[in-house]
Amino acid sequence: MAMVPLLQRAVRAVGESPLSERLARAQELAYGPLIDRVVRSPLRTDALGHSLHPPLTDVTTGFWLSTSLLDAAGGPGSRRAATLLTGAGVVAAVPTALAGAGDWAVTSGRDRRTGAVHALGADVATFLFIGSLVARLRGGHRLGAGLAAAGNLVVAGTGFLGGHMALRGGPAARVPATGGDGEP
């Protein structure tokens, strides 16, 4: 049980870090015009009662986890499928990131700082998978598999931060929190 308080302290430290605040400001400067457009796009809809970002992360991470499973257990015959899944995950990462950016744009305080670190981790993971795809397309399956494994480790960490925000009613929420019985 000691692991849970450690993880909670880590998330709290990220959310309170001055470095996280500087990262958030840098992201606002770098992506400001794009974020303004995403906030007004269908990627930030109320149709589901929550953000599109969480279910889109399931698609992206599903492709990428499947890639590594094929790398580990599929043998040489699965290399083409692993390459296809890697590319599909990279493509799926685009609307996933945009939907997340739209959610992040309306945050403040701890959620804003935690979201900035989450986004940086997602960017790192995406670049690792882009590297994996390039390596695979050039015949470097072993390098591609290694980059995918590293990408999945980053996804696990950044996903933990994103899940923490989503599960405590953070930026993904679109409806008032309920009292547990479905009623506000």
C-alpha atoms as a PDB file:
ATOM      1  CA  MET A   1       0.000   0.000   0.000  1.00  0.00           C
ATOM      2  CA  ALA A   2       2.971   2.338   0.321  1.00  0.00           C
ATOM      3  CA  MET A   3       2.937   2.733  -3.465  1.00  0.00           C
ATOM      4  CA  VAL A   4      -0.408   4.580  -3.494  1.00  0.00           C
ATOM      5  CA  PRO A   5       0.688   7.442  -1.212  1.00  0.00           C
ATOM      6  CA  LEU A   6       3.938   7.685  -3.206  1.00  0.00           C
ATOM      7  CA  LEU A   7       2.005   8.053  -6.469  1.00  0.00           C
ATOM      8  CA  GLN A   8      -0.369  10.564  -4.903  1.00  0.00           C
ATOM      9  CA  ARG A   9       2.587  12.605  -3.650  1.00  0.00           C
ATOM     10  CA  ALA A  10       4.155  12.459  -7.129  1.00  0.00           C
ATOM     11  CA  VAL A  11       0.978  13.754  -8.798  1.00  0.00           C
ATOM     12  CA  ARG A  12       0.657  16.490  -6.194  1.00  0.00           C
ATOM     13  CA  ALA A  13       4.304  17.492  -6.738  1.00  0.00           C
ATOM     14  CA  VAL A  14       3.738  17.742 -10.497  1.00  0.00           C
ATOM     15  CA  GLY A  15       0.646  19.882  -9.968  1.00  0.00           C
ATOM     16  CA  GLU A  16       2.417  22.228  -7.571  1.00  0.00           C
ATOM     17  CA  SER A  17       5.749  22.499  -9.385  1.00  0.00           C
ATOM     18  CA  PRO A  18       6.991  25.889 -10.621  1.00  0.00           C
ATOM     19  CA  LEU A  19       8.660  23.983 -13.479  1.00  0.00           C
ATOM     20  CA  SER A  20       5.235  22.638 -14.502  1.00  0.00           C
ATOM     21  CA  GLU A  21       3.939  26.215 -14.514  1.00  0.00           C
ATOM     22  CA  ARG A  22       6.785  27.328 -16.797  1.00  0.00           C
ATOM     23  CA  LEU A  23       6.043  24.384 -19.086  1.00  0.00           C
ATOM     24  CA  ALA A  24       2.350  25.369 -19.216  1.00  0.00           C
ATOM     25  CA  ARG A  25       3.249  28.947 -20.160  1.00  0.00           C
ATOM     26  CA  ALA A  26       5.615  27.721 -22.885  1.00  0.00           C
ATOM     27  CA  GLN A  27       2.899  25.464 -24.298  1.00  0.00           C
ATOM     28  CA  GLU A  28       0.417  28.339 -24.320  1.00  0.00           C
ATOM     29  CA  LEU A  29       2.876  30.424 -26.327  1.00  0.00           C
ATOM     30  CA  ALA A  30       3.791  27.645 -28.734  1.00  0.00           C
ATOM     31  CA  TYR A  31       0.307  26.280 -29.351  1.00  0.00           C
ATOM     32  CA  GLY A  32      -1.948  29.260 -28.541  1.00  0.00           C
ATOM     33  CA  PRO A  33      -3.510  29.839 -31.971  1.00  0.00           C
ATOM     34  CA  LEU A  34      -4.061  26.122 -32.533  1.00  0.00           C
ATOM     35  CA  ILE A  35      -5.614  25.679 -29.098  1.00  0.00           C
ATOM     36  CA  ASP A  36      -7.991  28.582 -29.714  1.00  0.00           C
ATOM     37  CA  ARG A  37      -9.270  26.806 -32.843  1.00  0.00           C
ATOM     38  CA  VAL A  38      -9.567  23.431 -31.135  1.00  0.00           C
ATOM     39  CA  VAL A  39     -11.669  24.863 -28.301  1.00  0.00           C
ATOM     40  CA  ARG A  40     -14.288  25.860 -30.902  1.00  0.00           C
ATOM     41  CA  SER A  41     -14.037  22.583 -32.862  1.00  0.00           C
ATOM     42  CA  PRO A  42     -16.070  19.346 -32.704  1.00  0.00           C
ATOM     43  CA  LEU A  43     -13.163  17.825 -30.730  1.00  0.00           C
ATOM     44  CA  ARG A  44     -14.398  19.783 -27.710  1.00  0.00           C
ATOM     45  CA  THR A  45     -18.020  18.701 -27.791  1.00  0.00           C
ATOM     46  CA  ASP A  46     -20.600  18.259 -25.062  1.00  0.00           C
ATOM     47  CA  ALA A  47     -22.411  15.500 -26.966  1.00  0.00           C
ATOM     48  CA  LEU A  48     -21.035  12.679 -24.791  1.00  0.00           C
ATOM     49  CA  GLY A  49     -21.380  14.524 -21.513  1.00  0.00           C
ATOM     50  CA  HIS A  50     -17.600  14.392 -21.260  1.00  0.00           C
ATOM     51  CA  SER A  51     -14.575  15.039 -23.398  1.00  0.00           C
ATOM     52  CA  LEU A  52     -13.683  13.034 -26.477  1.00  0.00           C
ATOM     53  CA  HIS A  53     -10.079  12.919 -25.271  1.00  0.00           C
ATOM     54  CA  PRO A  54     -10.358   9.942 -22.850  1.00  0.00           C
ATOM     55  CA  PRO A  55     -11.952   7.527 -25.339  1.00  0.00           C
ATOM     56  CA  LEU A  56      -9.557   8.678 -28.065  1.00  0.00           C
ATOM     57  CA  THR A  57      -6.631   7.869 -25.771  1.00  0.00           C
ATOM     58  CA  ASP A  58      -7.964   4.325 -25.572  1.00  0.00           C
ATOM     59  CA  VAL A  59      -7.795   4.038 -29.362  1.00  0.00           C
ATOM     60  CA  THR A  60      -4.263   5.420 -29.582  1.00  0.00           C
ATOM     61  CA  THR A  61      -2.866   3.435 -26.677  1.00  0.00           C
ATOM     62  CA  GLY A  62      -4.687   0.319 -27.859  1.00  0.00           C
ATOM     63  CA  PHE A  63      -2.860   0.462 -31.177  1.00  0.00           C
ATOM     64  CA  TRP A  64       0.462   1.055 -29.483  1.00  0.00           C
ATOM     65  CA  LEU A  65       0.077  -1.609 -26.806  1.00  0.00           C
ATOM     66  CA  SER A  66      -0.939  -4.090 -29.499  1.00  0.00           C
ATOM     67  CA  THR A  67       2.205  -3.153 -31.405  1.00  0.00           C
ATOM     68  CA  SER A  68       4.396  -4.113 -28.468  1.00  0.00           C
ATOM     69  CA  LEU A  69       2.443  -7.309 -27.840  1.00  0.00           C
ATOM     70  CA  LEU A  70       3.055  -8.369 -31.432  1.00  0.00           C
ATOM     71  CA  ASP A  71       6.715  -7.407 -31.108  1.00  0.00           C
ATOM     72  CA  ALA A  72       7.064  -9.538 -27.982  1.00  0.00           C
ATOM     73  CA  ALA A  73       4.993 -12.559 -28.923  1.00  0.00           C
ATOM     74  CA  GLY A  74       4.093 -12.437 -32.587  1.00  0.00           C
ATOM     75  CA  GLY A  75       7.355 -13.509 -34.171  1.00  0.00           C
ATOM     76  CA  PRO A  76       8.719 -12.376 -37.528  1.00  0.00           C
ATOM     77  CA  GLY A  77       5.389 -13.016 -39.248  1.00  0.00           C
ATOM     78  CA  SER A  78       3.755 -10.223 -37.265  1.00  0.00           C
ATOM     79  CA  ARG A  79       6.158  -7.452 -38.251  1.00  0.00           C
ATOM     80  CA  ARG A  80       3.912  -6.033 -40.952  1.00  0.00           C
ATOM     81  CA  ALA A  81       0.934  -5.936 -38.578  1.00  0.00           C
ATOM     82  CA  ALA A  82       3.066  -4.286 -35.877  1.00  0.00           C
ATOM     83  CA  THR A  83       4.155  -1.639 -38.380  1.00  0.00           C
ATOM     84  CA  LEU A  84       0.547  -1.019 -39.389  1.00  0.00           C
ATOM     85  CA  LEU A  85      -0.548  -0.681 -35.756  1.00  0.00           C
ATOM     86  CA  THR A  86       2.325   1.697 -35.025  1.00  0.00           C
ATOM     87  CA  GLY A  87       1.263   3.948 -37.909  1.00  0.00           C
ATOM     88  CA  ALA A  88      -2.407   3.762 -36.973  1.00  0.00           C
ATOM     89  CA  GLY A  89      -1.516   4.865 -33.445  1.00  0.00           C
ATOM     90  CA  VAL A  90       0.495   7.802 -34.763  1.00  0.00           C
ATOM     91  CA  VAL A  91      -2.463   8.892 -36.908  1.00  0.00           C
ATOM     92  CA  ALA A  92      -4.886   8.438 -33.989  1.00  0.00           C
ATOM     93  CA  ALA A  93      -2.591  10.498 -31.748  1.00  0.00           C
ATOM     94  CA  VAL A  94      -3.395  13.663 -33.720  1.00  0.00           C
ATOM     95  CA  PRO A  95      -7.111  14.032 -32.853  1.00  0.00           C
ATOM     96  CA  THR A  96      -6.371  12.638 -29.388  1.00  0.00           C
ATOM     97  CA  ALA A  97      -3.842  15.408 -28.740  1.00  0.00           C
ATOM     98  CA  LEU A  98      -6.081  18.075 -30.210  1.00  0.00           C
ATOM     99  CA  ALA A  99      -9.035  17.016 -28.056  1.00  0.00           C
ATOM    100  CA  GLY A 100      -6.768  17.015 -25.014  1.00  0.00           C
ATOM    101  CA  ALA A 101      -5.463  20.480 -25.883  1.00  0.00           C
ATOM    102  CA  GLY A 102      -9.026  21.750 -26.091  1.00  0.00           C
ATOM    103  CA  ASP A 103      -9.725  20.402 -22.612  1.00  0.00           C
ATOM    104  CA  TRP A 104      -6.459  21.755 -21.241  1.00  0.00           C
ATOM    105  CA  ALA A 105      -7.221  25.237 -22.552  1.00  0.00           C
ATOM    106  CA  VAL A 106     -10.021  25.683 -20.036  1.00  0.00           C
ATOM    107  CA  THR A 107      -8.044  24.502 -17.007  1.00  0.00           C
ATOM    108  CA  SER A 108      -6.320  26.478 -14.307  1.00  0.00           C
ATOM    109  CA  GLY A 109      -4.150  25.894 -11.293  1.00  0.00           C
ATOM    110  CA  ARG A 110      -3.051  22.352 -10.489  1.00  0.00           C
ATOM    111  CA  ASP A 111      -4.978  20.804 -13.404  1.00  0.00           C
ATOM    112  CA  ARG A 112      -3.317  23.221 -15.822  1.00  0.00           C
ATOM    113  CA  ARG A 113       0.158  22.335 -14.569  1.00  0.00           C
ATOM    114  CA  THR A 114      -0.534  18.589 -14.407  1.00  0.00           C
ATOM    115  CA  GLY A 115      -2.071  18.713 -17.884  1.00  0.00           C
ATOM    116  CA  ALA A 116       1.010  20.459 -19.260  1.00  0.00           C
ATOM    117  CA  VAL A 117       3.253  17.653 -17.996  1.00  0.00           C
ATOM    118  CA  HIS A 118       0.766  15.075 -19.288  1.00  0.00           C
ATOM    119  CA  ALA A 119       0.849  16.701 -22.740  1.00  0.00           C
ATOM    120  CA  LEU A 120       4.645  16.786 -22.799  1.00  0.00           C
ATOM    121  CA  GLY A 121       4.739  13.083 -21.959  1.00  0.00           C
ATOM    122  CA  ALA A 122       2.218  12.344 -24.694  1.00  0.00           C
ATOM    123  CA  ASP A 123       4.345  14.312 -27.165  1.00  0.00           C
ATOM    124  CA  VAL A 124       7.452  12.357 -26.166  1.00  0.00           C
ATOM    125  CA  ALA A 125       5.593   9.064 -26.582  1.00  0.00           C
ATOM    126  CA  THR A 126       4.287  10.122 -29.987  1.00  0.00           C
ATOM    127  CA  PHE A 127       7.780  11.007 -31.174  1.00  0.00           C
ATOM    128  CA  LEU A 128       9.082   7.651 -29.933  1.00  0.00           C
ATOM    129  CA  PHE A 129       6.372   5.911 -31.958  1.00  0.00           C
ATOM    130  CA  ILE A 130       7.128   8.042 -35.010  1.00  0.00           C
ATOM    131  CA  GLY A 131      10.746   6.918 -34.643  1.00  0.00           C
ATOM    132  CA  SER A 132       9.519   3.339 -34.290  1.00  0.00           C
ATOM    133  CA  LEU A 133       7.489   3.638 -37.478  1.00  0.00           C
ATOM    134  CA  VAL A 134      10.394   5.107 -39.439  1.00  0.00           C
ATOM    135  CA  ALA A 135      12.742   2.379 -38.178  1.00  0.00           C
ATOM    136  CA  ARG A 136      10.262  -0.352 -39.110  1.00  0.00           C
ATOM    137  CA  LEU A 137       9.679   1.080 -42.581  1.00  0.00           C
ATOM    138  CA  ARG A 138      13.446   1.080 -43.118  1.00  0.00           C
ATOM    139  CA  GLY A 139      13.733  -2.550 -42.069  1.00  0.00           C
ATOM    140  CA  GLY A 140      14.912  -1.892 -38.513  1.00  0.00           C
ATOM    141  CA  HIS A 141      12.344  -4.001 -36.701  1.00  0.00           C
ATOM    142  CA  ARG A 142      14.476  -4.473 -33.594  1.00  0.00           C
ATOM    143  CA  LEU A 143      15.051  -0.716 -33.200  1.00  0.00           C
ATOM    144  CA  GLY A 144      11.361  -0.082 -33.937  1.00  0.00           C
ATOM    145  CA  ALA A 145      10.336  -2.568 -31.266  1.00  0.00           C
ATOM    146  CA  GLY A 146      12.662  -0.946 -28.737  1.00  0.00           C
ATOM    147  CA  LEU A 147      11.335   2.536 -29.488  1.00  0.00           C
ATOM    148  CA  ALA A 148       7.773   1.233 -29.186  1.00  0.00           C
ATOM    149  CA  ALA A 149       8.543  -0.351 -25.804  1.00  0.00           C
ATOM    150  CA  ALA A 150      10.033   2.948 -24.601  1.00  0.00           C
ATOM    151  CA  GLY A 151       7.001   4.797 -25.970  1.00  0.00           C
ATOM    152  CA  ASN A 152       4.649   2.506 -24.075  1.00  0.00           C
ATOM    153  CA  LEU A 153       6.531   3.137 -20.837  1.00  0.00           C
ATOM    154  CA  VAL A 154       6.115   6.881 -21.355  1.00  0.00           C
ATOM    155  CA  VAL A 155       2.433   6.370 -22.237  1.00  0.00           C
ATOM    156  CA  ALA A 156       1.925   4.512 -18.947  1.00  0.00           C
ATOM    157  CA  GLY A 157       3.345   7.392 -16.930  1.00  0.00           C
ATOM    158  CA  THR A 158       1.608  10.174 -18.811  1.00  0.00           C
ATOM    159  CA  GLY A 159      -1.605   8.165 -18.881  1.00  0.00           C
ATOM    160  CA  PHE A 160      -1.463   7.911 -15.111  1.00  0.00           C
ATOM    161  CA  LEU A 161      -1.390  11.709 -14.876  1.00  0.00           C
ATOM    162  CA  GLY A 162      -4.232  12.059 -17.379  1.00  0.00           C
ATOM    163  CA  GLY A 163      -6.288   9.396 -15.656  1.00  0.00           C
ATOM    164  CA  HIS A 164      -5.770  11.102 -12.327  1.00  0.00           C
ATOM    165  CA  MET A 165      -7.199  14.334 -13.732  1.00  0.00           C
ATOM    166  CA  ALA A 166     -10.086  12.631 -15.533  1.00  0.00           C
ATOM    167  CA  LEU A 167     -11.146  10.411 -12.658  1.00  0.00           C
ATOM    168  CA  ARG A 168     -11.316  13.229 -10.178  1.00  0.00           C
ATOM    169  CA  GLY A 169     -13.622  15.275 -12.420  1.00  0.00           C
ATOM    170  CA  GLY A 170     -10.999  17.501 -13.973  1.00  0.00           C
ATOM    171  CA  PRO A 171     -10.929  19.120 -17.404  1.00  0.00           C
ATOM    172  CA  ALA A 172     -12.714  16.280 -19.186  1.00  0.00           C
ATOM    173  CA  ALA A 173     -15.971  16.744 -17.270  1.00  0.00           C
ATOM    174  CA  ARG A 174     -18.885  18.362 -19.102  1.00  0.00           C
ATOM    175  CA  VAL A 175     -21.739  17.810 -16.675  1.00  0.00           C
ATOM    176  CA  PRO A 176     -22.009  18.578 -12.953  1.00  0.00           C
ATOM    177  CA  ALA A 177     -20.567  15.924 -10.656  1.00  0.00           C
ATOM    178  CA  THR A 178     -23.172  13.597  -9.152  1.00  0.00           C
ATOM    179  CA  GLY A 179     -23.701  12.474  -5.615  1.00  0.00           C
ATOM    180  CA  GLY A 180     -23.152   8.829  -6.579  1.00  0.00           C
ATOM    181  CA  ASP A 181     -26.787   8.070  -7.396  1.00  0.00           C
ATOM    182  CA  GLY A 182     -26.773   9.753 -10.779  1.00  0.00           C
ATOM    183  CA  GLU A 183     -28.287  12.968  -9.464  1.00  0.00           C
ATOM    184  CA  PRO A 184     -26.362  16.254  -9.190  1.00  0.00           C
END
